[in-house]
Amino acid sequence: KVVANPTINLVSLNGKPHSLYELTLHPYLVLMFWTSWCYFCKATLKNINENINRMYQRYIYSL
């Protein structure tokens, strides 16, 4: 049985809408869910951003 993937729409920090499908068309995708009150989340996000910014600047979307 084939089940279709749900359509997931996201909004970037600058207000631009994106679909999850659209983002998967890029060669690299890092999707991280975090909260502002989670110290570990914020520390991890900072580390990920530093590494990704250095390597793949043109593929980054902040959602």
N, C-alpha and C. Protein backbone atom coordinates (compact mmCIF):
# COMPACT_ATOMS: atom_id res chain seq x y z
N LYS A 1 0.85 -1.17 0.00
CA LYS A 1 0.00 0.00 0.00
C LYS A 1 0.89 1.24 0.00
N VAL A 2 0.65 2.12 -0.93
CA VAL A 2 1.42 3.36 -1.03
C VAL A 2 0.64 4.46 -0.33
N VAL A 3 1.33 5.16 0.55
CA VAL A 3 0.71 6.27 1.27
C VAL A 3 1.40 7.55 0.85
N ALA A 4 0.65 8.53 0.43
CA ALA A 4 1.22 9.81 0.01
C ALA A 4 1.77 10.57 1.20
N ASN A 5 2.86 11.26 0.98
CA ASN A 5 3.41 12.12 2.03
C ASN A 5 2.50 13.32 2.21
N PRO A 6 2.32 13.75 3.44
CA PRO A 6 1.49 14.93 3.66
C PRO A 6 2.19 16.19 3.16
N THR A 7 1.41 17.15 2.75
CA THR A 7 1.97 18.43 2.35
C THR A 7 2.26 19.23 3.61
N ILE A 8 3.50 19.60 3.79
CA ILE A 8 3.90 20.37 4.97
C ILE A 8 4.41 21.72 4.48
N ASN A 9 3.75 22.77 4.93
CA ASN A 9 4.14 24.12 4.56
C ASN A 9 4.80 24.80 5.74
N LEU A 10 5.89 25.50 5.46
CA LEU A 10 6.67 26.19 6.48
C LEU A 10 6.82 27.65 6.09
N VAL A 11 7.08 28.49 7.06
CA VAL A 11 7.30 29.92 6.81
C VAL A 11 8.67 30.27 7.35
N SER A 12 9.49 30.92 6.52
CA SER A 12 10.83 31.31 6.94
C SER A 12 10.76 32.49 7.90
N LEU A 13 11.88 32.80 8.53
CA LEU A 13 11.91 33.92 9.46
C LEU A 13 11.61 35.25 8.79
N ASN A 14 11.84 35.34 7.48
CA ASN A 14 11.51 36.58 6.76
C ASN A 14 10.11 36.56 6.17
N GLY A 15 9.31 35.54 6.54
CA GLY A 15 7.91 35.50 6.13
C GLY A 15 7.63 34.81 4.81
N LYS A 16 8.64 34.29 4.14
CA LYS A 16 8.45 33.64 2.85
C LYS A 16 7.98 32.19 3.05
N PRO A 17 6.89 31.79 2.38
CA PRO A 17 6.41 30.41 2.53
C PRO A 17 7.26 29.42 1.73
N HIS A 18 7.40 28.22 2.27
CA HIS A 18 8.13 27.13 1.62
C HIS A 18 7.37 25.84 1.89
N SER A 19 7.43 24.93 0.95
CA SER A 19 6.91 23.59 1.22
C SER A 19 8.10 22.70 1.56
N LEU A 20 7.86 21.69 2.37
CA LEU A 20 8.94 20.77 2.71
C LEU A 20 9.45 20.08 1.45
N TYR A 21 8.56 19.78 0.53
CA TYR A 21 8.98 19.16 -0.74
C TYR A 21 9.96 20.06 -1.48
N GLU A 22 9.67 21.35 -1.55
CA GLU A 22 10.54 22.31 -2.23
C GLU A 22 11.95 22.29 -1.62
N LEU A 23 12.02 22.22 -0.31
CA LEU A 23 13.32 22.22 0.36
C LEU A 23 14.09 20.93 0.10
N THR A 24 13.38 19.82 -0.12
CA THR A 24 14.08 18.55 -0.36
C THR A 24 14.67 18.47 -1.76
N LEU A 25 14.36 19.42 -2.62
CA LEU A 25 14.94 19.44 -3.96
C LEU A 25 16.40 19.90 -3.94
N HIS A 26 16.83 20.53 -2.86
CA HIS A 26 18.23 20.94 -2.72
C HIS A 26 19.07 19.72 -2.35
N PRO A 27 20.35 19.75 -2.69
CA PRO A 27 21.18 18.57 -2.42
C PRO A 27 21.38 18.27 -0.94
N TYR A 28 21.24 19.27 -0.07
CA TYR A 28 21.43 19.07 1.36
C TYR A 28 20.27 19.69 2.12
N LEU A 29 19.83 19.02 3.17
CA LEU A 29 18.75 19.55 4.00
C LEU A 29 18.99 19.16 5.45
N VAL A 30 19.05 20.16 6.31
CA VAL A 30 19.12 19.92 7.75
C VAL A 30 17.86 20.53 8.33
N LEU A 31 17.05 19.71 8.95
CA LEU A 31 15.79 20.15 9.53
C LEU A 31 15.87 19.89 11.02
N MET A 32 15.87 20.97 11.79
CA MET A 32 16.02 20.85 13.25
C MET A 32 14.88 21.59 13.92
N PHE A 33 14.20 20.92 14.82
CA PHE A 33 13.15 21.54 15.60
C PHE A 33 13.74 21.92 16.95
N TRP A 34 13.51 23.15 17.38
CA TRP A 34 14.10 23.63 18.62
C TRP A 34 13.16 24.61 19.30
N THR A 35 13.47 24.94 20.53
CA THR A 35 12.70 25.93 21.28
C THR A 35 13.65 26.97 21.85
N SER A 36 13.14 28.15 22.10
CA SER A 36 13.98 29.24 22.60
C SER A 36 14.43 29.03 24.03
N TRP A 37 13.74 28.21 24.81
CA TRP A 37 14.09 28.01 26.21
C TRP A 37 15.02 26.82 26.43
N CYS A 38 15.35 26.08 25.38
CA CYS A 38 16.19 24.88 25.50
C CYS A 38 17.66 25.24 25.26
N TYR A 39 18.46 25.23 26.34
CA TYR A 39 19.88 25.58 26.22
C TYR A 39 20.60 24.64 25.25
N PHE A 40 20.37 23.33 25.37
CA PHE A 40 21.02 22.37 24.48
C PHE A 40 20.65 22.63 23.02
N CYS A 41 19.37 22.92 22.77
CA CYS A 41 18.92 23.20 21.39
C CYS A 41 19.65 24.40 20.82
N LYS A 42 19.74 25.47 21.61
CA LYS A 42 20.39 26.69 21.14
C LYS A 42 21.88 26.47 20.90
N ALA A 43 22.54 25.73 21.77
CA ALA A 43 23.97 25.45 21.59
C ALA A 43 24.20 24.60 20.34
N THR A 44 23.35 23.61 20.15
CA THR A 44 23.47 22.75 18.97
C THR A 44 23.20 23.54 17.70
N LEU A 45 22.17 24.38 17.72
CA LEU A 45 21.83 25.18 16.56
C LEU A 45 22.97 26.12 16.18
N LYS A 46 23.61 26.72 17.18
CA LYS A 46 24.74 27.61 16.91
C LYS A 46 25.87 26.84 16.23
N ASN A 47 26.18 25.66 16.72
CA ASN A 47 27.24 24.84 16.13
C ASN A 47 26.89 24.43 14.70
N ILE A 48 25.66 24.01 14.49
CA ILE A 48 25.23 23.62 13.14
C ILE A 48 25.31 24.81 12.20
N ASN A 49 24.81 25.97 12.64
CA ASN A 49 24.84 27.16 11.79
C ASN A 49 26.25 27.56 11.41
N GLU A 50 27.18 27.52 12.35
CA GLU A 50 28.56 27.89 12.06
C GLU A 50 29.15 26.98 10.98
N ASN A 51 28.92 25.69 11.09
CA ASN A 51 29.46 24.75 10.11
C ASN A 51 28.77 24.85 8.76
N ILE A 52 27.47 24.96 8.77
CA ILE A 52 26.73 25.04 7.51
C ILE A 52 27.00 26.36 6.80
N ASN A 53 27.04 27.46 7.54
CA ASN A 53 27.31 28.76 6.93
C ASN A 53 28.64 28.74 6.18
N ARG A 54 29.60 28.08 6.75
CA ARG A 54 30.92 28.02 6.14
C ARG A 54 30.90 27.21 4.84
N MET A 55 30.12 26.14 4.79
CA MET A 55 30.19 25.23 3.66
C MET A 55 29.12 25.44 2.59
N TYR A 56 27.90 25.75 3.00
CA TYR A 56 26.78 25.73 2.06
C TYR A 56 25.88 26.95 2.17
N GLN A 57 26.45 28.13 2.18
CA GLN A 57 25.70 29.36 2.42
C GLN A 57 24.48 29.51 1.52
N ARG A 58 24.58 29.15 0.29
CA ARG A 58 23.47 29.41 -0.64
C ARG A 58 22.27 28.50 -0.46
N TYR A 59 22.39 27.46 0.35
CA TYR A 59 21.29 26.53 0.54
C TYR A 59 20.58 26.68 1.88
N ILE A 60 20.88 27.73 2.64
CA ILE A 60 20.34 27.85 3.99
C ILE A 60 19.02 28.61 3.99
N TYR A 61 18.03 28.04 4.66
CA TYR A 61 16.75 28.69 4.88
C TYR A 61 16.47 28.62 6.37
N SER A 62 16.18 29.75 6.98
CA SER A 62 15.82 29.78 8.40
C SER A 62 14.31 29.78 8.49
N LEU A 63 13.77 28.76 9.11
CA LEU A 63 12.31 28.62 9.19
C LEU A 63 11.85 28.75 10.61
